[in-house]
Amino acid sequence: MNEHASFVVIAYAISFLTIGGVALRIVLDYRRLRGALARFNDSARAAAGDDA
């Protein structure tokens, strides 16, 4: 099994980095969209004249 150990470790590392990168991208996109929605909501309230 020693001859395949490096392949397995590299495959796990690539998988971990790929899945971690996708998860990070989702979290960052969620934060960006949440901020954009809050700004949209604030501007809609201002346009409607609602102070609440």
PDB file of N, CA and C in Angstrom:
ATOM      1  N   MET A   1       0.817  -1.189   0.000  1.00  0.00           N
ATOM      2  CA  MET A   1       0.000   0.000   0.000  1.00  0.00           C
ATOM      3  C   MET A   1       0.864   1.258   0.000  1.00  0.00           C
ATOM      4  N   ASN A   2       2.085   1.173   0.345  1.00  0.00           N
ATOM      5  CA  ASN A   2       2.950   2.338   0.399  1.00  0.00           C
ATOM      6  C   ASN A   2       3.111   3.003  -0.954  1.00  0.00           C
ATOM      7  N   GLU A   3       3.055   2.238  -2.022  1.00  0.00           N
ATOM      8  CA  GLU A   3       3.221   2.833  -3.343  1.00  0.00           C
ATOM      9  C   GLU A   3       2.018   3.664  -3.758  1.00  0.00           C
ATOM     10  N   HIS A   4       0.888   3.451  -3.122  1.00  0.00           N
ATOM     11  CA  HIS A   4      -0.317   4.198  -3.445  1.00  0.00           C
ATOM     12  C   HIS A   4      -0.635   5.284  -2.413  1.00  0.00           C
ATOM     13  N   ALA A   5       0.089   5.313  -1.339  1.00  0.00           N
ATOM     14  CA  ALA A   5      -0.216   6.249  -0.258  1.00  0.00           C
ATOM     15  C   ALA A   5      -0.107   7.700  -0.720  1.00  0.00           C
ATOM     16  N   SER A   6       0.904   8.017  -1.495  1.00  0.00           N
ATOM     17  CA  SER A   6       1.048   9.408  -1.941  1.00  0.00           C
ATOM     18  C   SER A   6      -0.113   9.813  -2.851  1.00  0.00           C
ATOM     19  N   PHE A   7      -0.567   8.897  -3.709  1.00  0.00           N
ATOM     20  CA  PHE A   7      -1.708   9.182  -4.567  1.00  0.00           C
ATOM     21  C   PHE A   7      -2.955   9.455  -3.738  1.00  0.00           C
ATOM     22  N   VAL A   8      -3.174   8.650  -2.724  1.00  0.00           N
ATOM     23  CA  VAL A   8      -4.358   8.805  -1.874  1.00  0.00           C
ATOM     24  C   VAL A   8      -4.297  10.134  -1.117  1.00  0.00           C
ATOM     25  N   VAL A   9      -3.144  10.465  -0.580  1.00  0.00           N
ATOM     26  CA  VAL A   9      -2.996  11.718   0.159  1.00  0.00           C
ATOM     27  C   VAL A   9      -3.224  12.906  -0.763  1.00  0.00           C
ATOM     28  N   ILE A  10      -2.670  12.887  -1.959  1.00  0.00           N
ATOM     29  CA  ILE A  10      -2.853  13.973  -2.914  1.00  0.00           C
ATOM     30  C   ILE A  10      -4.318  14.075  -3.330  1.00  0.00           C
ATOM     31  N   ALA A  11      -4.970  12.958  -3.560  1.00  0.00           N
ATOM     32  CA  ALA A  11      -6.386  12.972  -3.948  1.00  0.00           C
ATOM     33  C   ALA A  11      -7.251  13.555  -2.840  1.00  0.00           C
ATOM     34  N   TYR A  12      -6.988  13.177  -1.598  1.00  0.00           N
ATOM     35  CA  TYR A  12      -7.735  13.740  -0.476  1.00  0.00           C
ATOM     36  C   TYR A  12      -7.470  15.232  -0.333  1.00  0.00           C
ATOM     37  N   ALA A  13      -6.233  15.658  -0.518  1.00  0.00           N
ATOM     38  CA  ALA A  13      -5.891  17.077  -0.404  1.00  0.00           C
ATOM     39  C   ALA A  13      -6.604  17.895  -1.484  1.00  0.00           C
ATOM     40  N   ILE A  14      -6.598  17.397  -2.705  1.00  0.00           N
ATOM     41  CA  ILE A  14      -7.284  18.099  -3.795  1.00  0.00           C
ATOM     42  C   ILE A  14      -8.785  18.170  -3.516  1.00  0.00           C
ATOM     43  N   SER A  15      -9.353  17.083  -3.055  1.00  0.00           N
ATOM     44  CA  SER A  15     -10.781  17.060  -2.741  1.00  0.00           C
ATOM     45  C   SER A  15     -11.112  18.037  -1.621  1.00  0.00           C
ATOM     46  N   PHE A  16     -10.293  18.031  -0.575  1.00  0.00           N
ATOM     47  CA  PHE A  16     -10.510  18.934   0.558  1.00  0.00           C
ATOM     48  C   PHE A  16     -10.435  20.388   0.113  1.00  0.00           C
ATOM     49  N   LEU A  17      -9.433  20.728  -0.691  1.00  0.00           N
ATOM     50  CA  LEU A  17      -9.289  22.108  -1.155  1.00  0.00           C
ATOM     51  C   LEU A  17     -10.434  22.515  -2.076  1.00  0.00           C
ATOM     52  N   THR A  18     -10.874  21.610  -2.924  1.00  0.00           N
ATOM     53  CA  THR A  18     -11.971  21.918  -3.843  1.00  0.00           C
ATOM     54  C   THR A  18     -13.275  22.146  -3.086  1.00  0.00           C
ATOM     55  N   ILE A  19     -13.611  21.240  -2.199  1.00  0.00           N
ATOM     56  CA  ILE A  19     -14.847  21.367  -1.428  1.00  0.00           C
ATOM     57  C   ILE A  19     -14.774  22.583  -0.508  1.00  0.00           C
ATOM     58  N   GLY A  20     -13.628  22.822   0.096  1.00  0.00           N
ATOM     59  CA  GLY A  20     -13.460  24.000   0.940  1.00  0.00           C
ATOM     60  C   GLY A  20     -13.596  25.285   0.146  1.00  0.00           C
ATOM     61  N   GLY A  21     -13.039  25.313  -1.064  1.00  0.00           N
ATOM     62  CA  GLY A  21     -13.157  26.493  -1.917  1.00  0.00           C
ATOM     63  C   GLY A  21     -14.587  26.763  -2.331  1.00  0.00           C
ATOM     64  N   VAL A  22     -15.313  25.720  -2.659  1.00  0.00           N
ATOM     65  CA  VAL A  22     -16.719  25.883  -3.031  1.00  0.00           C
ATOM     66  C   VAL A  22     -17.525  26.378  -1.830  1.00  0.00           C
ATOM     67  N   ALA A  23     -17.283  25.821  -0.667  1.00  0.00           N
ATOM     68  CA  ALA A  23     -17.997  26.252   0.533  1.00  0.00           C
ATOM     69  C   ALA A  23     -17.678  27.709   0.861  1.00  0.00           C
ATOM     70  N   LEU A  24     -16.415  28.095   0.727  1.00  0.00           N
ATOM     71  CA  LEU A  24     -16.031  29.479   0.983  1.00  0.00           C
ATOM     72  C   LEU A  24     -16.702  30.421  -0.005  1.00  0.00           C
ATOM     73  N   ARG A  25     -16.748  30.024  -1.248  1.00  0.00           N
ATOM     74  CA  ARG A  25     -17.406  30.861  -2.267  1.00  0.00           C
ATOM     75  C   ARG A  25     -18.894  31.042  -1.955  1.00  0.00           C
ATOM     76  N   ILE A  26     -19.545  29.990  -1.499  1.00  0.00           N
ATOM     77  CA  ILE A  26     -20.964  30.067  -1.147  1.00  0.00           C
ATOM     78  C   ILE A  26     -21.170  31.019   0.024  1.00  0.00           C
ATOM     79  N   VAL A  27     -20.325  30.922   1.044  1.00  0.00           N
ATOM     80  CA  VAL A  27     -20.454  31.798   2.213  1.00  0.00           C
ATOM     81  C   VAL A  27     -20.228  33.251   1.821  1.00  0.00           C
ATOM     82  N   LEU A  28     -19.205  33.520   1.019  1.00  0.00           N
ATOM     83  CA  LEU A  28     -18.934  34.897   0.609  1.00  0.00           C
ATOM     84  C   LEU A  28     -20.050  35.452  -0.272  1.00  0.00           C
ATOM     85  N   ASP A  29     -20.584  34.632  -1.151  1.00  0.00           N
ATOM     86  CA  ASP A  29     -21.681  35.075  -2.008  1.00  0.00           C
ATOM     87  C   ASP A  29     -22.935  35.343  -1.174  1.00  0.00           C
ATOM     88  N   TYR A  30     -23.188  34.512  -0.169  1.00  0.00           N
ATOM     89  CA  TYR A  30     -24.329  34.710   0.722  1.00  0.00           C
ATOM     90  C   TYR A  30     -24.208  36.041   1.450  1.00  0.00           C
ATOM     91  N   ARG A  31     -23.015  36.344   1.961  1.00  0.00           N
ATOM     92  CA  ARG A  31     -22.817  37.616   2.653  1.00  0.00           C
ATOM     93  C   ARG A  31     -23.011  38.800   1.710  1.00  0.00           C
ATOM     94  N   ARG A  32     -22.504  38.680   0.493  1.00  0.00           N
ATOM     95  CA  ARG A  32     -22.644  39.752  -0.486  1.00  0.00           C
ATOM     96  C   ARG A  32     -24.112  39.979  -0.828  1.00  0.00           C
ATOM     97  N   LEU A  33     -24.837  38.918  -1.049  1.00  0.00           N
ATOM     98  CA  LEU A  33     -26.255  39.037  -1.395  1.00  0.00           C
ATOM     99  C   LEU A  33     -27.087  39.560  -0.226  1.00  0.00           C
ATOM    100  N   ARG A  34     -26.741  39.149   0.977  1.00  0.00           N
ATOM    101  CA  ARG A  34     -27.461  39.637   2.153  1.00  0.00           C
ATOM    102  C   ARG A  34     -27.258  41.142   2.312  1.00  0.00           C
ATOM    103  N   GLY A  35     -26.043  41.626   2.066  1.00  0.00           N
ATOM    104  CA  GLY A  35     -25.777  43.059   2.128  1.00  0.00           C
ATOM    105  C   GLY A  35     -26.504  43.820   1.034  1.00  0.00           C
ATOM    106  N   ALA A  36     -26.523  43.258  -0.174  1.00  0.00           N
ATOM    107  CA  ALA A  36     -27.225  43.909  -1.283  1.00  0.00           C
ATOM    108  C   ALA A  36     -28.722  43.969  -1.002  1.00  0.00           C
ATOM    109  N   LEU A  37     -29.269  42.924  -0.439  1.00  0.00           N
ATOM    110  CA  LEU A  37     -30.692  42.911  -0.111  1.00  0.00           C
ATOM    111  C   LEU A  37     -31.014  43.935   0.975  1.00  0.00           C
ATOM    112  N   ALA A  38     -30.140  44.080   1.953  1.00  0.00           N
ATOM    113  CA  ALA A  38     -30.354  45.071   3.006  1.00  0.00           C
ATOM    114  C   ALA A  38     -30.318  46.480   2.418  1.00  0.00           C
ATOM    115  N   ARG A  39     -29.379  46.740   1.515  1.00  0.00           N
ATOM    116  CA  ARG A  39     -29.312  48.065   0.879  1.00  0.00           C
ATOM    117  C   ARG A  39     -30.548  48.306   0.022  1.00  0.00           C
ATOM    118  N   PHE A  40     -31.004  47.276  -0.675  1.00  0.00           N
ATOM    119  CA  PHE A  40     -32.205  47.397  -1.499  1.00  0.00           C
ATOM    120  C   PHE A  40     -33.415  47.704  -0.628  1.00  0.00           C
ATOM    121  N   ASN A  41     -33.506  47.014   0.483  1.00  0.00           N
ATOM    122  CA  ASN A  41     -34.625  47.221   1.409  1.00  0.00           C
ATOM    123  C   ASN A  41     -34.581  48.638   1.979  1.00  0.00           C
ATOM    124  N   ASP A  42     -33.397  49.100   2.350  1.00  0.00           N
ATOM    125  CA  ASP A  42     -33.264  50.462   2.883  1.00  0.00           C
ATOM    126  C   ASP A  42     -33.660  51.513   1.842  1.00  0.00           C
ATOM    127  N   SER A  43     -33.233  51.319   0.610  1.00  0.00           N
ATOM    128  CA  SER A  43     -33.573  52.302  -0.428  1.00  0.00           C
ATOM    129  C   SER A  43     -35.058  52.257  -0.762  1.00  0.00           C
ATOM    130  N   ALA A  44     -35.678  51.096  -0.690  1.00  0.00           N
ATOM    131  CA  ALA A  44     -37.113  50.983  -0.933  1.00  0.00           C
ATOM    132  C   ALA A  44     -37.896  51.684   0.170  1.00  0.00           C
ATOM    133  N   ARG A  45     -37.442  51.553   1.392  1.00  0.00           N
ATOM    134  CA  ARG A  45     -38.112  52.249   2.502  1.00  0.00           C
ATOM    135  C   ARG A  45     -37.961  53.747   2.362  1.00  0.00           C
ATOM    136  N   ALA A  46     -36.784  54.198   1.968  1.00  0.00           N
ATOM    137  CA  ALA A  46     -36.542  55.638   1.808  1.00  0.00           C
ATOM    138  C   ALA A  46     -37.421  56.198   0.677  1.00  0.00           C
ATOM    139  N   ALA A  47     -37.553  55.435  -0.391  1.00  0.00           N
ATOM    140  CA  ALA A  47     -38.374  55.877  -1.518  1.00  0.00           C
ATOM    141  C   ALA A  47     -39.857  55.944  -1.147  1.00  0.00           C
ATOM    142  N   ALA A  48     -40.277  55.035  -0.265  1.00  0.00           N
ATOM    143  CA  ALA A  48     -41.668  55.006   0.166  1.00  0.00           C
ATOM    144  C   ALA A  48     -41.948  56.014   1.264  1.00  0.00           C
ATOM    145  N   GLY A  49     -40.888  56.595   1.836  1.00  0.00           N
ATOM    146  CA  GLY A  49     -41.070  57.552   2.911  1.00  0.00           C
ATOM    147  C   GLY A  49     -41.334  56.911   4.250  1.00  0.00           C
ATOM    148  N   ASP A  50     -40.997  55.650   4.388  1.00  0.00           N
ATOM    149  CA  ASP A  50     -41.213  54.910   5.627  1.00  0.00           C
ATOM    150  C   ASP A  50     -39.994  55.059   6.511  1.00  0.00           C
ATOM    151  N   ASP A  51     -40.188  55.535   7.731  1.00  0.00           N
ATOM    152  CA  ASP A  51     -39.070  55.723   8.657  1.00  0.00           C
ATOM    153  C   ASP A  51     -38.819  54.500   9.539  1.00  0.00           C
ATOM    154  N   ALA A  52     -39.678  53.510   9.513  1.00  0.00           N
ATOM    155  CA  ALA A  52     -39.567  52.352  10.399  1.00  0.00           C
ATOM    156  C   ALA A  52     -38.608  51.348   9.887  1.00  0.00           C
TER     157      ALA A  52
END
